[in-house]
Amino acid sequence: MAKRIGGYRRKSRGIFRKNYKNKGKISLSKFFKEFKEGDKVVLQAEPAVQKGIYFQRYHGKSGLILGKKGSCYEVLIKDKNRGKRLVIPPIHLKSIR
């Protein structure tokens, strides 16, 4: 059986890339964003911070905040017909208003 070549971020160069106008330092307010239970959010990765980034399949999906775990948030998203809970830091989340 053939062994799969590549890792967790395989073929993600285009997805996890910043626009050239948005490159540079990250605002500290993005790290300390607050969400309440029941808020709707979109998973939008911050490419400059690799820690806590989710799998590329979930990029752009919307979900619901279930609660907080440490400094991260537990987000319920729908993957095909199944609900999944992901623990994601606030820098990779964007609120829907």
C-alpha atoms as a PDB file:
ATOM      1  CA  MET A   1       0.000   0.000   0.000  1.00  0.00           C
ATOM      2  CA  ALA A   2       1.291   3.443  -0.917  1.00  0.00           C
ATOM      3  CA  LYS A   3       2.223   5.844   1.848  1.00  0.00           C
ATOM      4  CA  ARG A   4       0.597   9.268   1.797  1.00  0.00           C
ATOM      5  CA  ILE A   5       3.046  12.067   1.143  1.00  0.00           C
ATOM      6  CA  GLY A   6       2.525  15.351   2.946  1.00  0.00           C
ATOM      7  CA  GLY A   7       1.338  16.560   6.285  1.00  0.00           C
ATOM      8  CA  TYR A   8      -1.494  18.376   7.968  1.00  0.00           C
ATOM      9  CA  ARG A   9      -1.216  21.548   5.863  1.00  0.00           C
ATOM     10  CA  ARG A  10      -0.685  19.768   2.530  1.00  0.00           C
ATOM     11  CA  LYS A  11      -1.992  21.712  -0.513  1.00  0.00           C
ATOM     12  CA  SER A  12      -3.002  24.694   1.604  1.00  0.00           C
ATOM     13  CA  ARG A  13      -0.750  27.367   0.122  1.00  0.00           C
ATOM     14  CA  GLY A  14      -3.620  29.250  -1.500  1.00  0.00           C
ATOM     15  CA  ILE A  15      -6.133  28.851   1.325  1.00  0.00           C
ATOM     16  CA  PHE A  16      -3.883  29.993   4.160  1.00  0.00           C
ATOM     17  CA  ARG A  17      -2.362  32.996   2.410  1.00  0.00           C
ATOM     18  CA  LYS A  18      -2.733  36.678   3.208  1.00  0.00           C
ATOM     19  CA  ASN A  19      -3.384  39.382   0.675  1.00  0.00           C
ATOM     20  CA  TYR A  20      -0.269  41.496   0.139  1.00  0.00           C
ATOM     21  CA  LYS A  21      -2.092  44.552   1.527  1.00  0.00           C
ATOM     22  CA  ASN A  22      -2.868  42.827   4.834  1.00  0.00           C
ATOM     23  CA  LYS A  23       0.630  41.530   5.616  1.00  0.00           C
ATOM     24  CA  GLY A  24       2.463  42.744   8.675  1.00  0.00           C
ATOM     25  CA  LYS A  25       1.836  42.919  12.395  1.00  0.00           C
ATOM     26  CA  ILE A  26      -1.341  41.479  13.844  1.00  0.00           C
ATOM     27  CA  SER A  27      -3.506  43.662  16.033  1.00  0.00           C
ATOM     28  CA  LEU A  28      -3.610  42.554  19.674  1.00  0.00           C
ATOM     29  CA  SER A  29      -7.376  43.038  19.773  1.00  0.00           C
ATOM     30  CA  LYS A  30      -7.738  39.990  17.498  1.00  0.00           C
ATOM     31  CA  PHE A  31      -6.165  37.805  20.186  1.00  0.00           C
ATOM     32  CA  PHE A  32      -8.560  39.040  22.872  1.00  0.00           C
ATOM     33  CA  LYS A  33     -11.865  38.949  20.968  1.00  0.00           C
ATOM     34  CA  GLU A  34     -14.798  37.933  23.154  1.00  0.00           C
ATOM     35  CA  PHE A  35     -17.691  35.775  22.007  1.00  0.00           C
ATOM     36  CA  LYS A  36     -20.795  34.758  23.914  1.00  0.00           C
ATOM     37  CA  GLU A  37     -22.429  31.366  23.963  1.00  0.00           C
ATOM     38  CA  GLY A  38     -24.778  31.106  20.966  1.00  0.00           C
ATOM     39  CA  ASP A  39     -22.903  33.621  18.770  1.00  0.00           C
ATOM     40  CA  LYS A  40     -22.472  32.755  15.100  1.00  0.00           C
ATOM     41  CA  VAL A  41     -18.925  32.798  13.769  1.00  0.00           C
ATOM     42  CA  VAL A  42     -17.022  32.032  10.570  1.00  0.00           C
ATOM     43  CA  LEU A  43     -13.789  30.047  10.617  1.00  0.00           C
ATOM     44  CA  GLN A  44     -11.295  32.380   8.985  1.00  0.00           C
ATOM     45  CA  ALA A  45      -7.676  31.424   9.609  1.00  0.00           C
ATOM     46  CA  GLU A  46      -4.987  33.954  10.483  1.00  0.00           C
ATOM     47  CA  PRO A  47      -2.011  32.558   8.516  1.00  0.00           C
ATOM     48  CA  ALA A  48       0.594  34.387  10.612  1.00  0.00           C
ATOM     49  CA  VAL A  49      -0.416  32.291  13.662  1.00  0.00           C
ATOM     50  CA  GLN A  50      -0.113  28.557  13.015  1.00  0.00           C
ATOM     51  CA  LYS A  51      -0.890  27.474  16.568  1.00  0.00           C
ATOM     52  CA  GLY A  52      -4.456  26.260  17.005  1.00  0.00           C
ATOM     53  CA  ILE A  53      -5.275  26.360  13.307  1.00  0.00           C
ATOM     54  CA  TYR A  54      -7.957  23.950  12.151  1.00  0.00           C
ATOM     55  CA  PHE A  55      -7.913  21.503   9.238  1.00  0.00           C
ATOM     56  CA  GLN A  56      -8.226  23.194   5.838  1.00  0.00           C
ATOM     57  CA  ARG A  57     -11.550  21.481   5.025  1.00  0.00           C
ATOM     58  CA  TYR A  58     -13.306  23.664   7.602  1.00  0.00           C
ATOM     59  CA  HIS A  59     -12.003  26.990   6.228  1.00  0.00           C
ATOM     60  CA  GLY A  60     -14.865  29.413   5.587  1.00  0.00           C
ATOM     61  CA  LYS A  61     -17.480  27.313   7.393  1.00  0.00           C
ATOM     62  CA  SER A  62     -19.866  28.985   9.799  1.00  0.00           C
ATOM     63  CA  GLY A  63     -20.620  27.643  13.236  1.00  0.00           C
ATOM     64  CA  LEU A  64     -22.077  28.293  16.650  1.00  0.00           C
ATOM     65  CA  ILE A  65     -20.160  29.058  19.844  1.00  0.00           C
ATOM     66  CA  LEU A  66     -20.916  26.382  22.443  1.00  0.00           C
ATOM     67  CA  GLY A  67     -18.652  27.570  25.236  1.00  0.00           C
ATOM     68  CA  LYS A  68     -15.133  28.457  26.265  1.00  0.00           C
ATOM     69  CA  LYS A  69     -12.231  26.112  26.998  1.00  0.00           C
ATOM     70  CA  GLY A  70      -9.327  28.000  28.492  1.00  0.00           C
ATOM     71  CA  SER A  71      -8.519  30.829  26.106  1.00  0.00           C
ATOM     72  CA  CYS A  72     -10.147  29.029  23.144  1.00  0.00           C
ATOM     73  CA  TYR A  73     -13.748  28.591  22.081  1.00  0.00           C
ATOM     74  CA  GLU A  74     -15.673  25.420  21.357  1.00  0.00           C
ATOM     75  CA  VAL A  75     -17.408  25.808  17.985  1.00  0.00           C
ATOM     76  CA  LEU A  76     -20.085  23.511  16.549  1.00  0.00           C
ATOM     77  CA  ILE A  77     -19.909  23.239  12.754  1.00  0.00           C
ATOM     78  CA  LYS A  78     -21.735  21.047  10.298  1.00  0.00           C
ATOM     79  CA  ASP A  79     -19.495  18.737   8.276  1.00  0.00           C
ATOM     80  CA  LYS A  80     -21.652  17.031   5.648  1.00  0.00           C
ATOM     81  CA  ASN A  81     -24.522  15.664   7.784  1.00  0.00           C
ATOM     82  CA  ARG A  82     -22.642  15.458  11.065  1.00  0.00           C
ATOM     83  CA  GLY A  83     -22.082  18.096  13.708  1.00  0.00           C
ATOM     84  CA  LYS A  84     -18.490  18.517  14.858  1.00  0.00           C
ATOM     85  CA  ARG A  85     -17.028  20.372  17.816  1.00  0.00           C
ATOM     86  CA  LEU A  86     -13.766  22.193  17.210  1.00  0.00           C
ATOM     87  CA  VAL A  87     -11.685  24.010  19.817  1.00  0.00           C
ATOM     88  CA  ILE A  88     -10.319  27.134  18.156  1.00  0.00           C
ATOM     89  CA  PRO A  89      -8.530  30.247  19.459  1.00  0.00           C
ATOM     90  CA  PRO A  90     -10.328  33.562  18.852  1.00  0.00           C
ATOM     91  CA  ILE A  91      -7.741  34.794  16.330  1.00  0.00           C
ATOM     92  CA  HIS A  92      -9.074  32.257  13.796  1.00  0.00           C
ATOM     93  CA  LEU A  93     -12.730  33.249  14.306  1.00  0.00           C
ATOM     94  CA  LYS A  94     -14.756  36.100  12.784  1.00  0.00           C
ATOM     95  CA  SER A  95     -18.193  37.050  14.084  1.00  0.00           C
ATOM     96  CA  ILE A  96     -21.265  37.231  11.841  1.00  0.00           C
ATOM     97  CA  ARG A  97     -23.390  40.302  12.461  1.00  0.00           C
END
